[in-house]
Amino acid sequence: MALLINQDYVADDVFFAEFQHLGGLNIDPRHPGAQHETRTLRQLAERRVASSVLLRQRARAQGIGVTAAEVEARRQEQWGTSSASVCGAGVWKAIGDHLLVEKYCQWVTRHEPRPSRAEVEDFYRSHREQFRVEERVRVQQVIRNIELPQDEAAAEAAMLKAEQELAAGRPFREVAERYSDCGGRIDLGWVARGEMVAAFEDAVFAMARSQRTGIFRTVFGLHLAIVLEHRPAGYQPFEDVRMALAKQMLERRREQRVQAEIAEALRTATITVAPEAKAEELA
């Protein structure tokens, strides 16, 4: 149903589009909770649309606007450098509306203070389990995939040659590039327990730093691996996470400020069902 939000007309299809965006059309009406889920999504769609309208109204009241150049720049970010003619008026309006809300949120939160080092450190200490990391190793491998029985002999021969060259002192990466299957990953980066198949983990986690495994088998085929670094389970050091954590805390503050702004705008707004005649006139 169409609404008047502080006398701004919002057509029913705007609410329906948001309801669809939230997945409302995917609700199975035969499901026992379908009516409740549909009602909840409709309410959420109405709140999101109303919030966006109210934030745009507040932006305009502060003299904040969006230029055609800004809309075009954002259009190119989202749609590439294709001609603007491929985007209809609805797309342009949607981009402009989104940009206006974005600019207003930036304006509203411009004075939000960055968390101090002490605040970040206090959060780190009180949420320490969030920063726990499992035992992990940084690994490179030689891999020969075995998909068919006839692949077995060639894979074994290649891996034996690779092992011989490694024993003769050739660099691991050089050998891996020579003998690994095309497309096989050589540098696996950091691997934590639980991320790889058990046979691979059993082989690499038994190695210390700079140690190399023998040839071993997994469901994928034959491997040789070297452990470049080995870190025990523990907690990420505070200094390693401090900057990212401070950024997260600041973004959380900004989001809380925006949500408070939305709550105040909804509390003071006049929202009524648009009379049918009025809807036809404003549409």
C-alpha atoms as a PDB file:
ATOM      1  CA  MET A   1       0.000   0.000   0.000  1.00  0.00           C
ATOM      2  CA  ALA A   2       1.205   3.506  -0.855  1.00  0.00           C
ATOM      3  CA  LEU A   3       2.198   5.764   2.044  1.00  0.00           C
ATOM      4  CA  LEU A   4       2.763   9.422   2.747  1.00  0.00           C
ATOM      5  CA  ILE A   5       5.930   9.830   4.806  1.00  0.00           C
ATOM      6  CA  ASN A   6       6.029  13.437   5.996  1.00  0.00           C
ATOM      7  CA  GLN A   7       3.976  14.185   2.851  1.00  0.00           C
ATOM      8  CA  ASP A   8       6.469  12.398   0.554  1.00  0.00           C
ATOM      9  CA  TYR A   9       4.573   9.883  -1.540  1.00  0.00           C
ATOM     10  CA  VAL A  10       6.016   6.362  -1.576  1.00  0.00           C
ATOM     11  CA  ALA A  11       4.370   3.989  -4.030  1.00  0.00           C
ATOM     12  CA  ASP A  12       3.407   0.455  -3.116  1.00  0.00           C
ATOM     13  CA  ASP A  13       5.781  -1.002  -5.692  1.00  0.00           C
ATOM     14  CA  VAL A  14       8.735   0.494  -3.767  1.00  0.00           C
ATOM     15  CA  PHE A  15       7.792  -1.528  -0.696  1.00  0.00           C
ATOM     16  CA  PHE A  16       7.160  -4.620  -2.814  1.00  0.00           C
ATOM     17  CA  ALA A  17      10.583  -4.289  -4.483  1.00  0.00           C
ATOM     18  CA  GLU A  18      12.248  -4.173  -1.049  1.00  0.00           C
ATOM     19  CA  PHE A  19      10.165  -7.145   0.115  1.00  0.00           C
ATOM     20  CA  GLN A  20      11.316  -9.032  -2.984  1.00  0.00           C
ATOM     21  CA  HIS A  21      14.934  -7.981  -2.360  1.00  0.00           C
ATOM     22  CA  LEU A  22      14.692  -9.464   1.152  1.00  0.00           C
ATOM     23  CA  GLY A  23      13.617 -12.804  -0.329  1.00  0.00           C
ATOM     24  CA  GLY A  24       9.890 -12.502   0.278  1.00  0.00           C
ATOM     25  CA  LEU A  25       8.988 -14.238  -2.979  1.00  0.00           C
ATOM     26  CA  ASN A  26      11.017 -17.291  -1.943  1.00  0.00           C
ATOM     27  CA  ILE A  27       8.777 -18.035   1.028  1.00  0.00           C
ATOM     28  CA  ASP A  28       6.929 -21.323   0.554  1.00  0.00           C
ATOM     29  CA  PRO A  29       3.253 -20.653   1.437  1.00  0.00           C
ATOM     30  CA  ARG A  30       2.902 -24.333   2.411  1.00  0.00           C
ATOM     31  CA  HIS A  31       5.465 -23.954   5.177  1.00  0.00           C
ATOM     32  CA  PRO A  32       3.872 -23.805   8.665  1.00  0.00           C
ATOM     33  CA  GLY A  33       5.552 -20.503   9.513  1.00  0.00           C
ATOM     34  CA  ALA A  34       5.025 -18.869   6.111  1.00  0.00           C
ATOM     35  CA  GLN A  35       2.459 -16.302   7.259  1.00  0.00           C
ATOM     36  CA  HIS A  36       4.601 -15.133  10.152  1.00  0.00           C
ATOM     37  CA  GLU A  37       7.728 -14.990   7.981  1.00  0.00           C
ATOM     38  CA  THR A  38       5.875 -13.034   5.287  1.00  0.00           C
ATOM     39  CA  ARG A  39       4.491 -10.568   7.825  1.00  0.00           C
ATOM     40  CA  THR A  40       7.931 -10.101   9.405  1.00  0.00           C
ATOM     41  CA  LEU A  41       9.593  -9.457   6.037  1.00  0.00           C
ATOM     42  CA  ARG A  42       6.883  -6.991   5.038  1.00  0.00           C
ATOM     43  CA  GLN A  43       7.398  -5.065   8.254  1.00  0.00           C
ATOM     44  CA  LEU A  44      11.155  -5.075   7.715  1.00  0.00           C
ATOM     45  CA  ALA A  45      10.714  -3.900   4.106  1.00  0.00           C
ATOM     46  CA  GLU A  46       8.437  -1.068   5.261  1.00  0.00           C
ATOM     47  CA  ARG A  47      10.903  -0.006   7.959  1.00  0.00           C
ATOM     48  CA  ARG A  48      13.854  -0.039   5.548  1.00  0.00           C
ATOM     49  CA  VAL A  49      12.019   1.968   2.899  1.00  0.00           C
ATOM     50  CA  ALA A  50      10.689   4.454   5.461  1.00  0.00           C
ATOM     51  CA  SER A  51      14.140   4.798   7.041  1.00  0.00           C
ATOM     52  CA  SER A  52      15.707   5.559   3.671  1.00  0.00           C
ATOM     53  CA  VAL A  53      13.048   8.155   2.845  1.00  0.00           C
ATOM     54  CA  LEU A  54      13.435   9.848   6.230  1.00  0.00           C
ATOM     55  CA  LEU A  55      17.227   9.953   6.006  1.00  0.00           C
ATOM     56  CA  ARG A  56      16.989  11.550   2.548  1.00  0.00           C
ATOM     57  CA  GLN A  57      14.553  14.115   3.932  1.00  0.00           C
ATOM     58  CA  ARG A  58      16.975  14.952   6.730  1.00  0.00           C
ATOM     59  CA  ALA A  59      19.843  15.164   4.263  1.00  0.00           C
ATOM     60  CA  ARG A  60      17.985  17.706   2.143  1.00  0.00           C
ATOM     61  CA  ALA A  61      17.082  19.671   5.283  1.00  0.00           C
ATOM     62  CA  GLN A  62      20.824  19.981   5.987  1.00  0.00           C
ATOM     63  CA  GLY A  63      21.510  21.149   2.450  1.00  0.00           C
ATOM     64  CA  ILE A  64      23.160  17.874   1.460  1.00  0.00           C
ATOM     65  CA  GLY A  65      22.650  16.838  -2.151  1.00  0.00           C
ATOM     66  CA  VAL A  66      24.007  14.580  -4.853  1.00  0.00           C
ATOM     67  CA  THR A  67      25.302  15.827  -8.188  1.00  0.00           C
ATOM     68  CA  ALA A  68      24.799  14.195 -11.573  1.00  0.00           C
ATOM     69  CA  ALA A  69      28.570  13.690 -11.755  1.00  0.00           C
ATOM     70  CA  GLU A  70      28.526  11.769  -8.469  1.00  0.00           C
ATOM     71  CA  VAL A  71      25.688   9.571  -9.688  1.00  0.00           C
ATOM     72  CA  GLU A  72      27.515   8.900 -12.955  1.00  0.00           C
ATOM     73  CA  ALA A  73      30.737   8.019 -11.116  1.00  0.00           C
ATOM     74  CA  ARG A  74      28.882   5.535  -8.915  1.00  0.00           C
ATOM     75  CA  ARG A  75      27.012   4.160 -11.945  1.00  0.00           C
ATOM     76  CA  GLN A  76      30.327   3.424 -13.634  1.00  0.00           C
ATOM     77  CA  GLU A  77      31.612   1.712 -10.495  1.00  0.00           C
ATOM     78  CA  GLN A  78      28.581  -0.573 -10.473  1.00  0.00           C
ATOM     79  CA  TRP A  79      27.876  -0.964 -14.186  1.00  0.00           C
ATOM     80  CA  GLY A  80      31.290  -0.450 -15.720  1.00  0.00           C
ATOM     81  CA  THR A  81      32.042   2.057 -18.461  1.00  0.00           C
ATOM     82  CA  SER A  82      29.085   1.079 -20.644  1.00  0.00           C
ATOM     83  CA  SER A  83      26.918   3.891 -21.944  1.00  0.00           C
ATOM     84  CA  ALA A  84      24.653   5.543 -19.419  1.00  0.00           C
ATOM     85  CA  SER A  85      21.790   4.912 -21.836  1.00  0.00           C
ATOM     86  CA  VAL A  86      21.671   1.269 -20.725  1.00  0.00           C
ATOM     87  CA  CYS A  87      20.494   2.440 -17.286  1.00  0.00           C
ATOM     88  CA  GLY A  88      16.900   3.589 -17.050  1.00  0.00           C
ATOM     89  CA  ALA A  89      15.612   6.468 -14.973  1.00  0.00           C
ATOM     90  CA  GLY A  90      14.793   4.046 -12.163  1.00  0.00           C
ATOM     91  CA  VAL A  91      18.416   2.945 -11.907  1.00  0.00           C
ATOM     92  CA  TRP A  92      19.654   6.529 -11.843  1.00  0.00           C
ATOM     93  CA  LYS A  93      17.156   7.423  -9.118  1.00  0.00           C
ATOM     94  CA  ALA A  94      18.087   4.385  -7.039  1.00  0.00           C
ATOM     95  CA  ILE A  95      21.795   5.247  -7.273  1.00  0.00           C
ATOM     96  CA  GLY A  96      21.121   8.863  -6.363  1.00  0.00           C
ATOM     97  CA  ASP A  97      18.912   7.883  -3.421  1.00  0.00           C
ATOM     98  CA  HIS A  98      21.529   5.488  -2.101  1.00  0.00           C
ATOM     99  CA  LEU A  99      24.286   8.086  -2.450  1.00  0.00           C
ATOM    100  CA  LEU A 100      22.242  10.701  -0.608  1.00  0.00           C
ATOM    101  CA  VAL A 101      21.665   8.347   2.329  1.00  0.00           C
ATOM    102  CA  GLU A 102      25.338   7.419   2.300  1.00  0.00           C
ATOM    103  CA  LYS A 103      26.440  11.068   2.372  1.00  0.00           C
ATOM    104  CA  TYR A 104      24.023  11.899   5.160  1.00  0.00           C
ATOM    105  CA  CYS A 105      25.207   8.971   7.273  1.00  0.00           C
ATOM    106  CA  GLN A 106      28.787  10.168   6.794  1.00  0.00           C
ATOM    107  CA  TRP A 107      27.723  13.665   7.853  1.00  0.00           C
ATOM    108  CA  VAL A 108      25.825  12.430  10.922  1.00  0.00           C
ATOM    109  CA  THR A 109      28.745  10.323  12.114  1.00  0.00           C
ATOM    110  CA  ARG A 110      31.488  12.814  11.291  1.00  0.00           C
ATOM    111  CA  HIS A 111      32.137  13.607  14.968  1.00  0.00           C
ATOM    112  CA  GLU A 112      32.098  10.036  16.281  1.00  0.00           C
ATOM    113  CA  PRO A 113      35.369   9.665  18.225  1.00  0.00           C
ATOM    114  CA  ARG A 114      37.853   7.006  17.312  1.00  0.00           C
ATOM    115  CA  PRO A 115      38.348   4.499  20.131  1.00  0.00           C
ATOM    116  CA  SER A 116      41.422   5.128  22.239  1.00  0.00           C
ATOM    117  CA  ARG A 117      44.164   2.556  22.522  1.00  0.00           C
ATOM    118  CA  ALA A 118      42.978   1.814  26.069  1.00  0.00           C
ATOM    119  CA  GLU A 119      39.423   1.160  24.831  1.00  0.00           C
ATOM    120  CA  VAL A 120      40.652  -1.146  22.098  1.00  0.00           C
ATOM    121  CA  GLU A 121      42.892  -3.008  24.518  1.00  0.00           C
ATOM    122  CA  ASP A 122      40.049  -3.374  26.998  1.00  0.00           C
ATOM    123  CA  PHE A 123      37.818  -4.842  24.263  1.00  0.00           C
ATOM    124  CA  TYR A 124      40.614  -7.214  23.263  1.00  0.00           C
ATOM    125  CA  ARG A 125      41.017  -8.458  26.824  1.00  0.00           C
ATOM    126  CA  SER A 126      37.300  -8.890  27.481  1.00  0.00           C
ATOM    127  CA  HIS A 127      36.670 -10.678  24.160  1.00  0.00           C
ATOM    128  CA  ARG A 128      39.911 -12.629  24.031  1.00  0.00           C
ATOM    129  CA  GLU A 129      38.364 -15.860  22.781  1.00  0.00           C
ATOM    130  CA  GLN A 130      37.453 -14.081  19.525  1.00  0.00           C
ATOM    131  CA  PHE A 131      41.164 -13.832  18.809  1.00  0.00           C
ATOM    132  CA  ARG A 132      42.091 -17.443  19.449  1.00  0.00           C
ATOM    133  CA  VAL A 133      43.797 -19.161  16.523  1.00  0.00           C
ATOM    134  CA  GLU A 134      44.348 -22.868  16.011  1.00  0.00           C
ATOM    135  CA  GLU A 135      47.706 -24.463  15.375  1.00  0.00           C
ATOM    136  CA  ARG A 136      48.714 -23.689  11.801  1.00  0.00           C
ATOM    137  CA  VAL A 137      51.483 -24.193   9.307  1.00  0.00           C
ATOM    138  CA  ARG A 138      52.544 -22.386   6.144  1.00  0.00           C
ATOM    139  CA  VAL A 139      52.952 -25.015   3.461  1.00  0.00           C
ATOM    140  CA  GLN A 140      54.121 -25.557  -0.089  1.00  0.00           C
ATOM    141  CA  GLN A 141      53.529 -28.828  -1.913  1.00  0.00           C
ATOM    142  CA  VAL A 142      54.276 -30.962  -4.931  1.00  0.00           C
ATOM    143  CA  ILE A 143      51.041 -32.646  -6.033  1.00  0.00           C
ATOM    144  CA  ARG A 144      50.183 -35.251  -8.608  1.00  0.00           C
ATOM    145  CA  ASN A 145      46.468 -35.881  -8.923  1.00  0.00           C
ATOM    146  CA  ILE A 146      45.256 -39.446  -9.387  1.00  0.00           C
ATOM    147  CA  GLU A 147      41.786 -39.559 -10.854  1.00  0.00           C
ATOM    148  CA  LEU A 148      41.976 -42.898 -12.712  1.00  0.00           C
ATOM    149  CA  PRO A 149      43.869 -46.141 -11.982  1.00  0.00           C
ATOM    150  CA  GLN A 150      46.016 -45.637 -15.072  1.00  0.00           C
ATOM    151  CA  ASP A 151      47.311 -42.353 -13.591  1.00  0.00           C
ATOM    152  CA  GLU A 152      48.987 -44.179 -10.706  1.00  0.00           C
ATOM    153  CA  ALA A 153      52.252 -45.260 -12.319  1.00  0.00           C
ATOM    154  CA  ALA A 154      53.015 -41.874 -13.917  1.00  0.00           C
ATOM    155  CA  ALA A 155      52.220 -40.071 -10.658  1.00  0.00           C
ATOM    156  CA  GLU A 156      54.518 -42.318  -8.628  1.00  0.00           C
ATOM    157  CA  ALA A 157      57.372 -41.944 -11.132  1.00  0.00           C
ATOM    158  CA  ALA A 158      57.051 -38.141 -11.138  1.00  0.00           C
ATOM    159  CA  MET A 159      56.997 -37.956  -7.356  1.00  0.00           C
ATOM    160  CA  LEU A 160      60.072 -40.165  -7.026  1.00  0.00           C
ATOM    161  CA  LYS A 161      61.966 -37.879  -9.396  1.00  0.00           C
ATOM    162  CA  ALA A 162      60.794 -34.848  -7.423  1.00  0.00           C
ATOM    163  CA  GLU A 163      61.971 -36.428  -4.183  1.00  0.00           C
ATOM    164  CA  GLN A 164      65.361 -37.205  -5.691  1.00  0.00           C
ATOM    165  CA  GLU A 165      65.842 -33.615  -6.861  1.00  0.00           C
ATOM    166  CA  LEU A 166      64.851 -32.278  -3.455  1.00  0.00           C
ATOM    167  CA  ALA A 167      67.337 -34.629  -1.808  1.00  0.00           C
ATOM    168  CA  ALA A 168      69.997 -33.270  -4.189  1.00  0.00           C
ATOM    169  CA  GLY A 169      69.330 -29.752  -2.882  1.00  0.00           C
ATOM    170  CA  ARG A 170      67.150 -28.197  -5.558  1.00  0.00           C
ATOM    171  CA  PRO A 171      64.808 -25.441  -4.246  1.00  0.00           C
ATOM    172  CA  PHE A 172      61.376 -26.772  -3.292  1.00  0.00           C
ATOM    173  CA  ARG A 173      59.367 -24.311  -5.397  1.00  0.00           C
ATOM    174  CA  GLU A 174      61.474 -25.049  -8.464  1.00  0.00           C
ATOM    175  CA  VAL A 175      60.838 -28.776  -8.069  1.00  0.00           C
ATOM    176  CA  ALA A 176      57.131 -28.213  -7.375  1.00  0.00           C
ATOM    177  CA  GLU A 177      56.719 -26.137 -10.520  1.00  0.00           C
ATOM    178  CA  ARG A 178      58.471 -28.837 -12.521  1.00  0.00           C
ATOM    179  CA  TYR A 179      56.563 -31.873 -11.249  1.00  0.00           C
ATOM    180  CA  SER A 180      53.177 -30.685  -9.950  1.00  0.00           C
ATOM    181  CA  ASP A 181      50.117 -31.192 -12.109  1.00  0.00           C
ATOM    182  CA  CYS A 182      49.100 -28.171 -14.130  1.00  0.00           C
ATOM    183  CA  GLY A 183      46.669 -26.192 -12.011  1.00  0.00           C
ATOM    184  CA  GLY A 184      47.772 -27.823  -8.768  1.00  0.00           C
ATOM    185  CA  ARG A 185      48.314 -25.321  -5.989  1.00  0.00           C
ATOM    186  CA  ILE A 186      51.933 -25.138  -4.856  1.00  0.00           C
ATOM    187  CA  ASP A 187      51.752 -22.425  -2.206  1.00  0.00           C
ATOM    188  CA  LEU A 188      48.905 -23.270   0.186  1.00  0.00           C
ATOM    189  CA  GLY A 189      49.609 -20.390   2.539  1.00  0.00           C
ATOM    190  CA  TRP A 190      48.632 -20.797   6.191  1.00  0.00           C
ATOM    191  CA  VAL A 191      46.716 -23.983   6.923  1.00  0.00           C
ATOM    192  CA  ALA A 192      44.924 -24.479  10.249  1.00  0.00           C
ATOM    193  CA  ARG A 193      43.824 -27.781  11.707  1.00  0.00           C
ATOM    194  CA  GLY A 194      40.441 -28.796  10.372  1.00  0.00           C
ATOM    195  CA  GLU A 195      40.845 -27.079   7.011  1.00  0.00           C
ATOM    196  CA  MET A 196      42.402 -29.924   5.025  1.00  0.00           C
ATOM    197  CA  VAL A 197      41.764 -33.654   4.706  1.00  0.00           C
ATOM    198  CA  ALA A 198      43.048 -35.707   7.628  1.00  0.00           C
ATOM    199  CA  ALA A 199      45.831 -37.443   5.691  1.00  0.00           C
ATOM    200  CA  PHE A 200      47.310 -34.106   4.625  1.00  0.00           C
ATOM    201  CA  GLU A 201      47.115 -32.659   8.135  1.00  0.00           C
ATOM    202  CA  ASP A 202      48.650 -35.773   9.692  1.00  0.00           C
ATOM    203  CA  ALA A 203      51.645 -35.383   7.388  1.00  0.00           C
ATOM    204  CA  VAL A 204      52.296 -31.642   7.627  1.00  0.00           C
ATOM    205  CA  PHE A 205      51.496 -31.054  11.303  1.00  0.00           C
ATOM    206  CA  ALA A 206      54.055 -33.697  12.227  1.00  0.00           C
ATOM    207  CA  MET A 207      56.782 -31.521  10.662  1.00  0.00           C
ATOM    208  CA  ALA A 208      58.751 -28.746  12.308  1.00  0.00           C
ATOM    209  CA  ARG A 209      59.701 -25.531  10.544  1.00  0.00           C
ATOM    210  CA  SER A 210      61.690 -26.110   7.319  1.00  0.00           C
ATOM    211  CA  GLN A 211      61.079 -29.866   7.451  1.00  0.00           C
ATOM    212  CA  ARG A 212      59.868 -31.779   4.413  1.00  0.00           C
ATOM    213  CA  THR A 213      57.527 -34.746   4.374  1.00  0.00           C
ATOM    214  CA  GLY A 214      58.071 -37.910   2.422  1.00  0.00           C
ATOM    215  CA  ILE A 215      55.682 -38.881  -0.362  1.00  0.00           C
ATOM    216  CA  PHE A 216      52.198 -39.392   1.064  1.00  0.00           C
ATOM    217  CA  ARG A 217      48.746 -40.062  -0.312  1.00  0.00           C
ATOM    218  CA  THR A 218      45.384 -38.329   0.110  1.00  0.00           C
ATOM    219  CA  VAL A 219      42.101 -38.756  -1.729  1.00  0.00           C
ATOM    220  CA  PHE A 220      43.435 -36.264  -4.290  1.00  0.00           C
ATOM    221  CA  GLY A 221      46.613 -38.133  -5.160  1.00  0.00           C
ATOM    222  CA  LEU A 222      50.276 -38.024  -4.142  1.00  0.00           C
ATOM    223  CA  HIS A 223      51.965 -35.174  -2.286  1.00  0.00           C
ATOM    224  CA  LEU A 224      55.299 -33.927  -1.045  1.00  0.00           C
ATOM    225  CA  ALA A 225      55.128 -30.954   1.293  1.00  0.00           C
ATOM    226  CA  ILE A 226      57.448 -28.581   3.091  1.00  0.00           C
ATOM    227  CA  VAL A 227      56.521 -26.632   6.219  1.00  0.00           C
ATOM    228  CA  LEU A 228      57.873 -23.093   5.874  1.00  0.00           C
ATOM    229  CA  GLU A 229      56.583 -21.903   9.256  1.00  0.00           C
ATOM    230  CA  HIS A 230      54.834 -23.569  12.187  1.00  0.00           C
ATOM    231  CA  ARG A 231      52.802 -21.667  14.780  1.00  0.00           C
ATOM    232  CA  PRO A 232      51.200 -23.302  17.831  1.00  0.00           C
ATOM    233  CA  ALA A 233      47.632 -22.669  18.907  1.00  0.00           C
ATOM    234  CA  GLY A 234      47.199 -19.476  20.885  1.00  0.00           C
ATOM    235  CA  TYR A 235      45.911 -15.931  20.606  1.00  0.00           C
ATOM    236  CA  GLN A 236      46.581 -13.302  17.995  1.00  0.00           C
ATOM    237  CA  PRO A 237      48.877 -10.690  19.543  1.00  0.00           C
ATOM    238  CA  PHE A 238      47.138  -7.423  20.384  1.00  0.00           C
ATOM    239  CA  GLU A 239      49.390  -5.408  18.088  1.00  0.00           C
ATOM    240  CA  ASP A 240      48.523  -7.690  15.166  1.00  0.00           C
ATOM    241  CA  VAL A 241      44.803  -6.948  15.495  1.00  0.00           C
ATOM    242  CA  ARG A 242      44.791  -3.480  17.055  1.00  0.00           C
ATOM    243  CA  MET A 243      44.261  -1.418  13.892  1.00  0.00           C
ATOM    244  CA  ALA A 244      41.579  -3.685  12.440  1.00  0.00           C
ATOM    245  CA  LEU A 245      39.817  -3.886  15.794  1.00  0.00           C
ATOM    246  CA  ALA A 246      39.864  -0.105  16.226  1.00  0.00           C
ATOM    247  CA  LYS A 247      38.317   0.260  12.771  1.00  0.00           C
ATOM    248  CA  GLN A 248      35.599  -2.259  13.619  1.00  0.00           C
ATOM    249  CA  MET A 249      34.808  -0.470  16.882  1.00  0.00           C
ATOM    250  CA  LEU A 250      34.575   2.887  15.094  1.00  0.00           C
ATOM    251  CA  GLU A 251      32.272   1.435  12.420  1.00  0.00           C
ATOM    252  CA  ARG A 252      30.094  -0.056  15.166  1.00  0.00           C
ATOM    253  CA  ARG A 253      29.827   3.358  16.830  1.00  0.00           C
ATOM    254  CA  ARG A 254      28.902   4.967  13.546  1.00  0.00           C
ATOM    255  CA  GLU A 255      26.250   2.326  12.865  1.00  0.00           C
ATOM    256  CA  GLN A 256      24.774   2.845  16.333  1.00  0.00           C
ATOM    257  CA  ARG A 257      24.659   6.592  15.688  1.00  0.00           C
ATOM    258  CA  VAL A 258      22.850   6.048  12.380  1.00  0.00           C
ATOM    259  CA  GLN A 259      20.376   3.644  14.002  1.00  0.00           C
ATOM    260  CA  ALA A 260      19.664   6.235  16.695  1.00  0.00           C
ATOM    261  CA  GLU A 261      19.051   8.809  13.963  1.00  0.00           C
ATOM    262  CA  ILE A 262      16.634   6.435  12.217  1.00  0.00           C
ATOM    263  CA  ALA A 263      14.795   5.693  15.474  1.00  0.00           C
ATOM    264  CA  GLU A 264      14.372   9.421  16.142  1.00  0.00           C
ATOM    265  CA  ALA A 265      13.228  10.077  12.577  1.00  0.00           C
ATOM    266  CA  LEU A 266      10.644   7.285  12.772  1.00  0.00           C
ATOM    267  CA  ARG A 267       9.434   8.491  16.179  1.00  0.00           C
ATOM    268  CA  THR A 268       8.775  12.015  14.955  1.00  0.00           C
ATOM    269  CA  ALA A 269       7.581  11.199  11.422  1.00  0.00           C
ATOM    270  CA  THR A 270       4.032  11.463  10.178  1.00  0.00           C
ATOM    271  CA  ILE A 271       3.311   8.299   8.216  1.00  0.00           C
ATOM    272  CA  THR A 272      -0.148   7.753   6.790  1.00  0.00           C
ATOM    273  CA  VAL A 273      -1.764   5.639   4.105  1.00  0.00           C
ATOM    274  CA  ALA A 274      -1.976   7.662   0.909  1.00  0.00           C
ATOM    275  CA  PRO A 275      -5.643   8.269  -0.074  1.00  0.00           C
ATOM    276  CA  GLU A 276      -6.406   6.645  -3.394  1.00  0.00           C
ATOM    277  CA  ALA A 277      -7.131   9.934  -5.130  1.00  0.00           C
ATOM    278  CA  LYS A 278      -4.030  11.496  -3.618  1.00  0.00           C
ATOM    279  CA  ALA A 279      -1.954   8.501  -4.675  1.00  0.00           C
ATOM    280  CA  GLU A 280      -3.107   8.858  -8.271  1.00  0.00           C
ATOM    281  CA  GLU A 281      -2.324  12.588  -8.185  1.00  0.00           C
ATOM    282  CA  LEU A 282       1.161  12.166  -6.649  1.00  0.00           C
ATOM    283  CA  ALA A 283       2.056   9.153  -8.760  1.00  0.00           C
END
